[in-house]
């Protein structure tokens, strides 16, 4: 139940926040979510837990904006790749990141 509620809110809040940032600040859909994620990471001292949940919520507009950027016609500022090809590019990127970015467990705080 908690997971479903978290997904519901992240989808809704992420989409609304992404649209608001893109529409009101003139950043466009491809830069709006990236700016929020980068600003939260580099310019705040918020807890990592809160940063995780913020990033979790922002994955919705980030994914949507990247997809829109790849799929939209060039006249609308996109790359006109097409939905199937854009999906293939995103899947390849996800697989590459999983395979090539090393995942290491952080030291446990009690062993410090």
PDB file of N, CA and C in Angstrom:
ATOM      1  N   UNK A   1       0.828  -1.183   0.000  1.00  0.00           N
ATOM      2  CA  UNK A   1       0.000   0.000   0.000  1.00  0.00           C
ATOM      3  C   UNK A   1       0.882   1.260   0.000  1.00  0.00           C
ATOM      4  N   UNK A   2       1.945   1.242   0.817  1.00  0.00           N
ATOM      5  CA  UNK A   2       2.853   2.385   0.872  1.00  0.00           C
ATOM      6  C   UNK A   2       3.516   2.614  -0.486  1.00  0.00           C
ATOM      7  N   UNK A   3       3.966   1.535  -1.102  1.00  0.00           N
ATOM      8  CA  UNK A   3       4.626   1.653  -2.398  1.00  0.00           C
ATOM      9  C   UNK A   3       3.677   2.249  -3.439  1.00  0.00           C
ATOM     10  N   UNK A   4       2.455   1.752  -3.492  1.00  0.00           N
ATOM     11  CA  UNK A   4       1.481   2.262  -4.453  1.00  0.00           C
ATOM     12  C   UNK A   4       1.176   3.730  -4.214  1.00  0.00           C
ATOM     13  N   UNK A   5       1.073   4.116  -2.960  1.00  0.00           N
ATOM     14  CA  UNK A   5       0.829   5.518  -2.625  1.00  0.00           C
ATOM     15  C   UNK A   5       2.022   6.379  -3.032  1.00  0.00           C
ATOM     16  N   UNK A   6       3.233   5.896  -2.760  1.00  0.00           N
ATOM     17  CA  UNK A   6       4.441   6.645  -3.134  1.00  0.00           C
ATOM     18  C   UNK A   6       4.529   6.817  -4.645  1.00  0.00           C
ATOM     19  N   UNK A   7       4.216   5.775  -5.394  1.00  0.00           N
ATOM     20  CA  UNK A   7       4.239   5.862  -6.857  1.00  0.00           C
ATOM     21  C   UNK A   7       3.188   6.844  -7.354  1.00  0.00           C
ATOM     22  N   UNK A   8       1.985   6.768  -6.791  1.00  0.00           N
ATOM     23  CA  UNK A   8       0.909   7.667  -7.192  1.00  0.00           C
ATOM     24  C   UNK A   8       1.304   9.125  -6.979  1.00  0.00           C
ATOM     25  N   UNK A   9       1.840   9.431  -5.797  1.00  0.00           N
ATOM     26  CA  UNK A   9       2.232  10.814  -5.517  1.00  0.00           C
ATOM     27  C   UNK A   9       3.436  11.236  -6.338  1.00  0.00           C
ATOM     28  N   UNK A  10       4.393  10.331  -6.533  1.00  0.00           N
ATOM     29  CA  UNK A  10       5.566  10.721  -7.313  1.00  0.00           C
ATOM     30  C   UNK A  10       5.198  11.003  -8.762  1.00  0.00           C
ATOM     31  N   UNK A  11       4.304  10.195  -9.318  1.00  0.00           N
ATOM     32  CA  UNK A  11       3.866  10.424 -10.694  1.00  0.00           C
ATOM     33  C   UNK A  11       3.145  11.764 -10.810  1.00  0.00           C
ATOM     34  N   UNK A  12       2.220  12.007  -9.894  1.00  0.00           N
ATOM     35  CA  UNK A  12       1.421  13.234  -9.949  1.00  0.00           C
ATOM     36  C   UNK A  12       2.273  14.460  -9.662  1.00  0.00           C
ATOM     37  N   UNK A  13       3.015  14.426  -8.559  1.00  0.00           N
ATOM     38  CA  UNK A  13       3.843  15.574  -8.198  1.00  0.00           C
ATOM     39  C   UNK A  13       4.951  15.806  -9.207  1.00  0.00           C
ATOM     40  N   UNK A  14       5.569  14.733  -9.671  1.00  0.00           N
ATOM     41  CA  UNK A  14       6.647  14.868 -10.644  1.00  0.00           C
ATOM     42  C   UNK A  14       6.182  15.483 -11.949  1.00  0.00           C
ATOM     43  N   UNK A  15       5.050  15.034 -12.431  1.00  0.00           N
ATOM     44  CA  UNK A  15       4.519  15.582 -13.672  1.00  0.00           C
ATOM     45  C   UNK A  15       4.125  17.039 -13.505  1.00  0.00           C
ATOM     46  N   UNK A  16       3.414  17.337 -12.426  1.00  0.00           N
ATOM     47  CA  UNK A  16       2.982  18.719 -12.186  1.00  0.00           C
ATOM     48  C   UNK A  16       4.178  19.648 -12.001  1.00  0.00           C
ATOM     49  N   UNK A  17       5.170  19.221 -11.214  1.00  0.00           N
ATOM     50  CA  UNK A  17       6.347  20.046 -10.978  1.00  0.00           C
ATOM     51  C   UNK A  17       7.138  20.255 -12.268  1.00  0.00           C
ATOM     52  N   UNK A  18       7.298  19.202 -13.053  1.00  0.00           N
ATOM     53  CA  UNK A  18       8.021  19.331 -14.317  1.00  0.00           C
ATOM     54  C   UNK A  18       7.341  20.281 -15.286  1.00  0.00           C
ATOM     55  N   UNK A  19       6.024  20.178 -15.363  1.00  0.00           N
ATOM     56  CA  UNK A  19       5.278  21.091 -16.245  1.00  0.00           C
ATOM     57  C   UNK A  19       5.369  22.527 -15.752  1.00  0.00           C
ATOM     58  N   UNK A  20       5.253  22.722 -14.447  1.00  0.00           N
ATOM     59  CA  UNK A  20       5.323  24.075 -13.887  1.00  0.00           C
ATOM     60  C   UNK A  20       6.685  24.706 -14.148  1.00  0.00           C
ATOM     61  N   UNK A  21       7.756  23.953 -13.917  1.00  0.00           N
ATOM     62  CA  UNK A  21       9.104  24.485 -14.129  1.00  0.00           C
ATOM     63  C   UNK A  21       9.329  24.808 -15.603  1.00  0.00           C
ATOM     64  N   UNK A  22       8.914  23.902 -16.476  1.00  0.00           N
ATOM     65  CA  UNK A  22       9.132  24.111 -17.908  1.00  0.00           C
ATOM     66  C   UNK A  22       8.314  25.283 -18.435  1.00  0.00           C
ATOM     67  N   UNK A  23       7.089  25.433 -17.944  1.00  0.00           N
ATOM     68  CA  UNK A  23       6.201  26.477 -18.474  1.00  0.00           C
ATOM     69  C   UNK A  23       6.448  27.855 -17.881  1.00  0.00           C
ATOM     70  N   UNK A  24       6.728  27.946 -16.590  1.00  0.00           N
ATOM     71  CA  UNK A  24       6.808  29.251 -15.943  1.00  0.00           C
ATOM     72  C   UNK A  24       8.191  29.872 -15.978  1.00  0.00           C
ATOM     73  N   UNK A  25       9.218  29.088 -16.113  1.00  0.00           N
ATOM     74  CA  UNK A  25      10.572  29.632 -16.058  1.00  0.00           C
ATOM     75  C   UNK A  25      11.267  29.685 -17.408  1.00  0.00           C
ATOM     76  N   UNK A  26      10.599  29.236 -18.443  1.00  0.00           N
ATOM     77  CA  UNK A  26      11.178  29.294 -19.780  1.00  0.00           C
ATOM     78  C   UNK A  26      12.335  28.343 -20.000  1.00  0.00           C
ATOM     79  N   UNK A  27      12.486  27.356 -19.138  1.00  0.00           N
ATOM     80  CA  UNK A  27      13.604  26.424 -19.282  1.00  0.00           C
ATOM     81  C   UNK A  27      13.331  25.361 -20.337  1.00  0.00           C
ATOM     82  N   UNK A  28      12.081  25.130 -20.629  1.00  0.00           N
ATOM     83  CA  UNK A  28      11.731  24.068 -21.564  1.00  0.00           C
ATOM     84  C   UNK A  28      11.725  22.724 -20.857  1.00  0.00           C
ATOM     85  N   UNK A  29      11.152  21.752 -21.501  1.00  0.00           N
ATOM     86  CA  UNK A  29      11.003  20.444 -20.874  1.00  0.00           C
ATOM     87  C   UNK A  29      12.317  19.681 -20.759  1.00  0.00           C
ATOM     88  N   UNK A  30      13.249  19.918 -21.674  1.00  0.00           N
ATOM     89  CA  UNK A  30      14.491  19.147 -21.621  1.00  0.00           C
ATOM     90  C   UNK A  30      15.465  19.620 -20.549  1.00  0.00           C
ATOM     91  N   UNK A  31      15.326  20.854 -20.060  1.00  0.00           N
ATOM     92  CA  UNK A  31      16.250  21.368 -19.051  1.00  0.00           C
ATOM     93  C   UNK A  31      15.610  21.540 -17.679  1.00  0.00           C
ATOM     94  N   UNK A  32      14.299  21.643 -17.613  1.00  0.00           N
ATOM     95  CA  UNK A  32      13.619  21.970 -16.366  1.00  0.00           C
ATOM     96  C   UNK A  32      13.910  21.015 -15.224  1.00  0.00           C
ATOM     97  N   UNK A  33      13.718  19.719 -15.442  1.00  0.00           N
ATOM     98  CA  UNK A  33      13.929  18.745 -14.378  1.00  0.00           C
ATOM     99  C   UNK A  33      15.405  18.633 -14.012  1.00  0.00           C
ATOM    100  N   UNK A  34      16.281  18.749 -14.995  1.00  0.00           N
ATOM    101  CA  UNK A  34      17.715  18.664 -14.706  1.00  0.00           C
ATOM    102  C   UNK A  34      18.180  19.794 -13.800  1.00  0.00           C
ATOM    103  N   UNK A  35      17.644  20.974 -14.014  1.00  0.00           N
ATOM    104  CA  UNK A  35      18.017  22.124 -13.191  1.00  0.00           C
ATOM    105  C   UNK A  35      17.602  21.912 -11.738  1.00  0.00           C
ATOM    106  N   UNK A  36      16.412  21.399 -11.537  1.00  0.00           N
ATOM    107  CA  UNK A  36      15.931  21.164 -10.172  1.00  0.00           C
ATOM    108  C   UNK A  36      16.780  20.116  -9.471  1.00  0.00           C
ATOM    109  N   UNK A  37      17.077  19.020 -10.144  1.00  0.00           N
ATOM    110  CA  UNK A  37      17.883  17.953  -9.542  1.00  0.00           C
ATOM    111  C   UNK A  37      19.281  18.466  -9.208  1.00  0.00           C
ATOM    112  N   UNK A  38      19.903  19.157 -10.138  1.00  0.00           N
ATOM    113  CA  UNK A  38      21.257  19.672  -9.901  1.00  0.00           C
ATOM    114  C   UNK A  38      21.279  20.707  -8.784  1.00  0.00           C
ATOM    115  N   UNK A  39      20.316  21.605  -8.775  1.00  0.00           N
ATOM    116  CA  UNK A  39      20.268  22.633  -7.725  1.00  0.00           C
ATOM    117  C   UNK A  39      20.067  22.010  -6.352  1.00  0.00           C
ATOM    118  N   UNK A  40      19.197  21.028  -6.265  1.00  0.00           N
ATOM    119  CA  UNK A  40      18.964  20.369  -4.976  1.00  0.00           C
ATOM    120  C   UNK A  40      20.220  19.670  -4.483  1.00  0.00           C
ATOM    121  N   UNK A  41      20.965  19.078  -5.385  1.00  0.00           N
ATOM    122  CA  UNK A  41      22.175  18.356  -4.980  1.00  0.00           C
ATOM    123  C   UNK A  41      23.320  19.303  -4.607  1.00  0.00           C
ATOM    124  N   UNK A  42      23.569  20.300  -5.432  1.00  0.00           N
ATOM    125  CA  UNK A  42      24.744  21.142  -5.244  1.00  0.00           C
ATOM    126  C   UNK A  42      24.543  22.330  -4.307  1.00  0.00           C
ATOM    127  N   UNK A  43      23.333  22.843  -4.186  1.00  0.00           N
ATOM    128  CA  UNK A  43      23.143  24.087  -3.454  1.00  0.00           C
ATOM    129  C   UNK A  43      22.327  23.976  -2.181  1.00  0.00           C
ATOM    130  N   UNK A  44      22.020  22.774  -1.757  1.00  0.00           N
ATOM    131  CA  UNK A  44      21.283  22.622  -0.507  1.00  0.00           C
ATOM    132  C   UNK A  44      22.011  21.650   0.399  1.00  0.00           C
ATOM    133  N   UNK A  45      21.688  21.734   1.655  1.00  0.00           N
ATOM    134  CA  UNK A  45      22.256  20.773   2.608  1.00  0.00           C
ATOM    135  C   UNK A  45      21.142  19.896   3.171  1.00  0.00           C
ATOM    136  N   UNK A  46      20.148  19.618   2.336  1.00  0.00           N
ATOM    137  CA  UNK A  46      19.046  18.790   2.798  1.00  0.00           C
ATOM    138  C   UNK A  46      19.517  17.364   3.011  1.00  0.00           C
ATOM    139  N   UNK A  47      18.774  16.622   3.807  1.00  0.00           N
ATOM    140  CA  UNK A  47      19.174  15.252   4.122  1.00  0.00           C
ATOM    141  C   UNK A  47      19.173  14.408   2.854  1.00  0.00           C
ATOM    142  N   UNK A  48      19.994  13.391   2.857  1.00  0.00           N
ATOM    143  CA  UNK A  48      20.069  12.502   1.701  1.00  0.00           C
ATOM    144  C   UNK A  48      18.758  11.736   1.510  1.00  0.00           C
ATOM    145  N   UNK A  49      18.051  11.476   2.595  1.00  0.00           N
ATOM    146  CA  UNK A  49      16.755  10.813   2.477  1.00  0.00           C
ATOM    147  C   UNK A  49      15.768  11.697   1.739  1.00  0.00           C
ATOM    148  N   UNK A  50      15.705  12.967   2.127  1.00  0.00           N
ATOM    149  CA  UNK A  50      14.819  13.893   1.440  1.00  0.00           C
ATOM    150  C   UNK A  50      15.254  14.086  -0.012  1.00  0.00           C
ATOM    151  N   UNK A  51      16.555  14.125  -0.247  1.00  0.00           N
ATOM    152  CA  UNK A  51      17.066  14.254  -1.609  1.00  0.00           C
ATOM    153  C   UNK A  51      16.691  13.035  -2.436  1.00  0.00           C
ATOM    154  N   UNK A  52      16.755  11.844  -1.824  1.00  0.00           N
ATOM    155  CA  UNK A  52      16.342  10.630  -2.536  1.00  0.00           C
ATOM    156  C   UNK A  52      14.888  10.723  -2.964  1.00  0.00           C
ATOM    157  N   UNK A  53      14.002  11.092  -2.034  1.00  0.00           N
ATOM    158  CA  UNK A  53      12.584  11.164  -2.371  1.00  0.00           C
ATOM    159  C   UNK A  53      12.309  12.283  -3.365  1.00  0.00           C
ATOM    160  N   UNK A  54      13.054  13.361  -3.286  1.00  0.00           N
ATOM    161  CA  UNK A  54      12.902  14.421  -4.285  1.00  0.00           C
ATOM    162  C   UNK A  54      13.301  13.911  -5.667  1.00  0.00           C
ATOM    163  N   UNK A  55      14.420  13.206  -5.723  1.00  0.00           N
ATOM    164  CA  UNK A  55      14.866  12.643  -7.001  1.00  0.00           C
ATOM    165  C   UNK A  55      13.882  11.593  -7.498  1.00  0.00           C
ATOM    166  N   UNK A  56      13.318  10.822  -6.590  1.00  0.00           N
ATOM    167  CA  UNK A  56      12.334   9.814  -6.954  1.00  0.00           C
ATOM    168  C   UNK A  56      11.121  10.468  -7.609  1.00  0.00           C
ATOM    169  N   UNK A  57      10.664  11.560  -7.049  1.00  0.00           N
ATOM    170  CA  UNK A  57       9.523  12.281  -7.618  1.00  0.00           C
ATOM    171  C   UNK A  57       9.902  12.906  -8.956  1.00  0.00           C
ATOM    172  N   UNK A  58      11.130  13.411  -9.067  1.00  0.00           N
ATOM    173  CA  UNK A  58      11.545  14.094 -10.296  1.00  0.00           C
ATOM    174  C   UNK A  58      11.904  13.144 -11.432  1.00  0.00           C
ATOM    175  N   UNK A  59      11.989  11.839 -11.160  1.00  0.00           N
ATOM    176  CA  UNK A  59      12.289  10.924 -12.261  1.00  0.00           C
ATOM    177  C   UNK A  59      11.174  10.911 -13.295  1.00  0.00           C
ATOM    178  N   UNK A  60       9.964  11.175 -12.873  1.00  0.00           N
ATOM    179  CA  UNK A  60       8.831  11.204 -13.818  1.00  0.00           C
ATOM    180  C   UNK A  60       8.998  12.318 -14.847  1.00  0.00           C
ATOM    181  N   UNK A  61       9.162  13.582 -14.436  1.00  0.00           N
ATOM    182  CA  UNK A  61       9.326  14.602 -15.478  1.00  0.00           C
ATOM    183  C   UNK A  61      10.647  14.477 -16.219  1.00  0.00           C
ATOM    184  N   UNK A  62      11.684  13.977 -15.555  1.00  0.00           N
ATOM    185  CA  UNK A  62      12.963  13.813 -16.242  1.00  0.00           C
ATOM    186  C   UNK A  62      12.828  12.790 -17.362  1.00  0.00           C
ATOM    187  N   UNK A  63      12.219  11.648 -17.063  1.00  0.00           N
ATOM    188  CA  UNK A  63      12.007  10.637 -18.093  1.00  0.00           C
ATOM    189  C   UNK A  63      11.102  11.131 -19.200  1.00  0.00           C
ATOM    190  N   UNK A  64      10.050  11.839 -18.811  1.00  0.00           N
ATOM    191  CA  UNK A  64       9.114  12.364 -19.806  1.00  0.00           C
ATOM    192  C   UNK A  64       9.780  13.407 -20.690  1.00  0.00           C
ATOM    193  N   UNK A  65      10.598  14.278 -20.107  1.00  0.00           N
ATOM    194  CA  UNK A  65      11.231  15.322 -20.908  1.00  0.00           C
ATOM    195  C   UNK A  65      12.285  14.748 -21.847  1.00  0.00           C
ATOM    196  N   UNK A  66      13.028  13.761 -21.384  1.00  0.00           N
ATOM    197  CA  UNK A  66      14.010  13.130 -22.273  1.00  0.00           C
ATOM    198  C   UNK A  66      13.284  12.425 -23.416  1.00  0.00           C
ATOM    199  N   UNK A  67      12.208  11.709 -23.074  1.00  0.00           N
ATOM    200  CA  UNK A  67      11.414  11.049 -24.109  1.00  0.00           C
ATOM    201  C   UNK A  67      10.824  12.043 -25.102  1.00  0.00           C
ATOM    202  N   UNK A  68      10.277  13.154 -24.582  1.00  0.00           N
ATOM    203  CA  UNK A  68       9.725  14.185 -25.462  1.00  0.00           C
ATOM    204  C   UNK A  68      10.807  14.796 -26.345  1.00  0.00           C
ATOM    205  N   UNK A  69      11.966  15.052 -25.758  1.00  0.00           N
ATOM    206  CA  UNK A  69      13.067  15.643 -26.511  1.00  0.00           C
ATOM    207  C   UNK A  69      13.487  14.740 -27.672  1.00  0.00           C
ATOM    208  N   UNK A  70      13.551  13.428 -27.425  1.00  0.00           N
ATOM    209  CA  UNK A  70      13.939  12.501 -28.483  1.00  0.00           C
ATOM    210  C   UNK A  70      12.844  12.335 -29.532  1.00  0.00           C
ATOM    211  N   UNK A  71      11.588  12.401 -29.113  1.00  0.00           N
ATOM    212  CA  UNK A  71      10.458  12.059 -29.968  1.00  0.00           C
ATOM    213  C   UNK A  71       9.863  13.242 -30.751  1.00  0.00           C
ATOM    214  N   UNK A  72       9.900  14.435 -30.206  1.00  0.00           N
ATOM    215  CA  UNK A  72       9.241  15.584 -30.835  1.00  0.00           C
ATOM    216  C   UNK A  72       9.908  15.946 -32.157  1.00  0.00           C
ATOM    217  N   UNK A  73       9.131  16.530 -33.076  1.00  0.00           N
ATOM    218  CA  UNK A  73       9.709  16.975 -34.353  1.00  0.00           C
ATOM    219  C   UNK A  73      10.775  18.051 -34.139  1.00  0.00           C
ATOM    220  N   UNK A  74      11.678  18.151 -35.080  1.00  0.00           N
ATOM    221  CA  UNK A  74      12.754  19.142 -34.981  1.00  0.00           C
ATOM    222  C   UNK A  74      12.215  20.564 -34.928  1.00  0.00           C
ATOM    223  N   UNK A  75      11.099  20.816 -35.591  1.00  0.00           N
ATOM    224  CA  UNK A  75      10.497  22.149 -35.572  1.00  0.00           C
ATOM    225  C   UNK A  75      10.021  22.538 -34.176  1.00  0.00           C
ATOM    226  N   UNK A  76       9.746  21.534 -33.341  1.00  0.00           N
ATOM    227  CA  UNK A  76       9.313  21.783 -31.963  1.00  0.00           C
ATOM    228  C   UNK A  76      10.461  21.663 -30.965  1.00  0.00           C
ATOM    229  N   UNK A  77      11.690  21.586 -31.435  1.00  0.00           N
ATOM    230  CA  UNK A  77      12.853  21.524 -30.559  1.00  0.00           C
ATOM    231  C   UNK A  77      13.304  20.130 -30.191  1.00  0.00           C
ATOM    232  N   UNK A  78      12.738  19.108 -30.806  1.00  0.00           N
ATOM    233  CA  UNK A  78      13.121  17.731 -30.514  1.00  0.00           C
ATOM    234  C   UNK A  78      14.118  17.204 -31.529  1.00  0.00           C
ATOM    235  N   UNK A  79      14.385  15.913 -31.429  1.00  0.00           N
ATOM    236  CA  UNK A  79      15.320  15.273 -32.353  1.00  0.00           C
ATOM    237  C   UNK A  79      14.626  14.430 -33.413  1.00  0.00           C
ATOM    238  N   UNK A  80      13.305  14.260 -33.311  1.00  0.00           N
ATOM    239  CA  UNK A  80      12.507  13.507 -34.284  1.00  0.00           C
ATOM    240  C   UNK A  80      13.028  12.086 -34.493  1.00  0.00           C
ATOM    241  N   UNK A  81      13.381  11.428 -33.397  1.00  0.00           N
ATOM    242  CA  UNK A  81      13.914  10.068 -33.480  1.00  0.00           C
ATOM    243  C   UNK A  81      12.790   9.056 -33.684  1.00  0.00           C
ATOM    244  N   UNK A  82      11.608   9.300 -33.159  1.00  0.00           N
ATOM    245  CA  UNK A  82      10.509   8.347 -33.238  1.00  0.00           C
ATOM    246  C   UNK A  82      10.364   7.600 -31.917  1.00  0.00           C
ATOM    247  N   UNK A  83       9.170   7.162 -31.620  1.00  0.00           N
ATOM    248  CA  UNK A  83       8.908   6.545 -30.308  1.00  0.00           C
ATOM    249  C   UNK A  83       9.656   5.235 -30.107  1.00  0.00           C
ATOM    250  N   UNK A  84       9.625   4.357 -31.099  1.00  0.00           N
ATOM    251  CA  UNK A  84      10.306   3.081 -30.943  1.00  0.00           C
ATOM    252  C   UNK A  84      11.807   3.278 -30.776  1.00  0.00           C
ATOM    253  N   UNK A  85      12.396   4.088 -31.642  1.00  0.00           N
ATOM    254  CA  UNK A  85      13.840   4.334 -31.566  1.00  0.00           C
ATOM    255  C   UNK A  85      14.217   5.071 -30.287  1.00  0.00           C
ATOM    256  N   UNK A  86      13.379   6.015 -29.858  1.00  0.00           N
ATOM    257  CA  UNK A  86      13.651   6.728 -28.598  1.00  0.00           C
ATOM    258  C   UNK A  86      13.612   5.763 -27.416  1.00  0.00           C
ATOM    259  N   UNK A  87      12.654   4.855 -27.420  1.00  0.00           N
ATOM    260  CA  UNK A  87      12.577   3.851 -26.354  1.00  0.00           C
ATOM    261  C   UNK A  87      13.797   2.952 -26.373  1.00  0.00           C
ATOM    262  N   UNK A  88      14.235   2.566 -27.564  1.00  0.00           N
ATOM    263  CA  UNK A  88      15.426   1.721 -27.688  1.00  0.00           C
ATOM    264  C   UNK A  88      16.668   2.446 -27.168  1.00  0.00           C
ATOM    265  N   UNK A  89      16.780   3.737 -27.469  1.00  0.00           N
ATOM    266  CA  UNK A  89      17.917   4.527 -26.972  1.00  0.00           C
ATOM    267  C   UNK A  89      17.897   4.586 -25.443  1.00  0.00           C
ATOM    268  N   UNK A  90      16.726   4.832 -24.873  1.00  0.00           N
ATOM    269  CA  UNK A  90      16.626   4.915 -23.414  1.00  0.00           C
ATOM    270  C   UNK A  90      16.921   3.576 -22.746  1.00  0.00           C
ATOM    271  N   UNK A  91      16.436   2.479 -23.313  1.00  0.00           N
ATOM    272  CA  UNK A  91      16.726   1.146 -22.762  1.00  0.00           C
ATOM    273  C   UNK A  91      18.224   0.866 -22.838  1.00  0.00           C
ATOM    274  N   UNK A  92      18.836   1.184 -23.972  1.00  0.00           N
ATOM    275  CA  UNK A  92      20.278   0.970 -24.124  1.00  0.00           C
ATOM    276  C   UNK A  92      21.068   1.797 -23.105  1.00  0.00           C
ATOM    277  N   UNK A  93      20.637   3.028 -22.876  1.00  0.00           N
ATOM    278  CA  UNK A  93      21.302   3.883 -21.901  1.00  0.00           C
ATOM    279  C   UNK A  93      21.172   3.313 -20.487  1.00  0.00           C
ATOM    280  N   UNK A  94      19.991   2.857 -20.134  1.00  0.00           N
ATOM    281  CA  UNK A  94      19.782   2.273 -18.804  1.00  0.00           C
ATOM    282  C   UNK A  94      20.645   1.025 -18.618  1.00  0.00           C
ATOM    283  N   UNK A  95      20.645   0.147 -19.607  1.00  0.00           N
ATOM    284  CA  UNK A  95      21.454  -1.071 -19.523  1.00  0.00           C
ATOM    285  C   UNK A  95      22.934  -0.724 -19.421  1.00  0.00           C
ATOM    286  N   UNK A  96      23.402   0.225 -20.218  1.00  0.00           N
ATOM    287  CA  UNK A  96      24.812   0.631 -20.176  1.00  0.00           C
ATOM    288  C   UNK A  96      25.180   1.186 -18.798  1.00  0.00           C
ATOM    289  N   UNK A  97      24.312   1.995 -18.226  1.00  0.00           N
ATOM    290  CA  UNK A  97      24.603   2.545 -16.898  1.00  0.00           C
ATOM    291  C   UNK A  97      24.647   1.456 -15.839  1.00  0.00           C
ATOM    292  N   UNK A  98      23.753   0.491 -15.929  1.00  0.00           N
ATOM    293  CA  UNK A  98      23.753  -0.612 -14.959  1.00  0.00           C
ATOM    294  C   UNK A  98      25.019  -1.443 -15.095  1.00  0.00           C
ATOM    295  N   UNK A  99      25.430  -1.711 -16.324  1.00  0.00           N
ATOM    296  CA  UNK A  99      26.589  -2.573 -16.563  1.00  0.00           C
ATOM    297  C   UNK A  99      27.908  -1.861 -16.278  1.00  0.00           C
ATOM    298  N   UNK A 100      28.036  -0.614 -16.701  1.00  0.00           N
ATOM    299  CA  UNK A 100      29.338   0.039 -16.658  1.00  0.00           C
ATOM    300  C   UNK A 100      29.590   0.955 -15.462  1.00  0.00           C
ATOM    301  N   UNK A 101      28.566   1.367 -14.764  1.00  0.00           N
ATOM    302  CA  UNK A 101      28.783   2.205 -13.584  1.00  0.00           C
ATOM    303  C   UNK A 101      28.921   1.280 -12.381  1.00  0.00           C
ATOM    304  N   UNK A 102      30.079   1.318 -11.728  1.00  0.00           N
ATOM    305  CA  UNK A 102      30.289   0.397 -10.608  1.00  0.00           C
ATOM    306  C   UNK A 102      29.349   0.705  -9.439  1.00  0.00           C
ATOM    307  N   UNK A 103      28.789  -0.341  -8.882  1.00  0.00           N
ATOM    308  CA  UNK A 103      27.919  -0.208  -7.723  1.00  0.00           C
ATOM    309  C   UNK A 103      28.659  -0.780  -6.525  1.00  0.00           C
ATOM    310  N   UNK A 104      28.924   0.065  -5.552  1.00  0.00           N
ATOM    311  CA  UNK A 104      29.636  -0.367  -4.344  1.00  0.00           C
ATOM    312  C   UNK A 104      28.824  -0.004  -3.148  1.00  0.00           C
ATOM    313  N   UNK A 105      28.779  -0.904  -2.223  1.00  0.00           N
ATOM    314  CA  UNK A 105      28.055  -0.625  -0.982  1.00  0.00           C
ATOM    315  C   UNK A 105      28.852   0.371  -0.160  1.00  0.00           C
ATOM    316  N   UNK A 106      28.137   1.306   0.439  1.00  0.00           N
ATOM    317  CA  UNK A 106      28.783   2.290   1.327  1.00  0.00           C
ATOM    318  C   UNK A 106      29.105   1.606   2.650  1.00  0.00           C
ATOM    319  N   UNK A 107      30.138   2.092   3.336  1.00  0.00           N
ATOM    320  CA  UNK A 107      30.443   1.504   4.648  1.00  0.00           C
ATOM    321  C   UNK A 107      29.288   1.717   5.615  1.00  0.00           C
ATOM    322  N   UNK A 108      29.037   0.734   6.424  1.00  0.00           N
ATOM    323  CA  UNK A 108      27.964   0.825   7.408  1.00  0.00           C
ATOM    324  C   UNK A 108      28.361   1.813   8.507  1.00  0.00           C
ATOM    325  N   UNK A 109      27.467   2.708   8.923  1.00  0.00           N
ATOM    326  CA  UNK A 109      27.821   3.729   9.915  1.00  0.00           C
ATOM    327  C   UNK A 109      28.305   3.160  11.242  1.00  0.00           C
ATOM    328  N   UNK A 110      27.829   1.997  11.640  1.00  0.00           N
ATOM    329  CA  UNK A 110      28.238   1.443  12.941  1.00  0.00           C
ATOM    330  C   UNK A 110      29.638   0.850  12.901  1.00  0.00           C
ATOM    331  N   UNK A 111      30.203   0.655  11.714  1.00  0.00           N
ATOM    332  CA  UNK A 111      31.558   0.087  11.600  1.00  0.00           C
ATOM    333  C   UNK A 111      32.621   1.174  11.520  1.00  0.00           C
ATOM    334  N   UNK A 112      32.191   2.460  11.485  1.00  0.00           N
ATOM    335  CA  UNK A 112      32.999   3.615  11.288  1.00  0.00           C
ATOM    336  C   UNK A 112      34.257   3.677  11.980  1.00  0.00           C
TER     337      UNK A 112
END
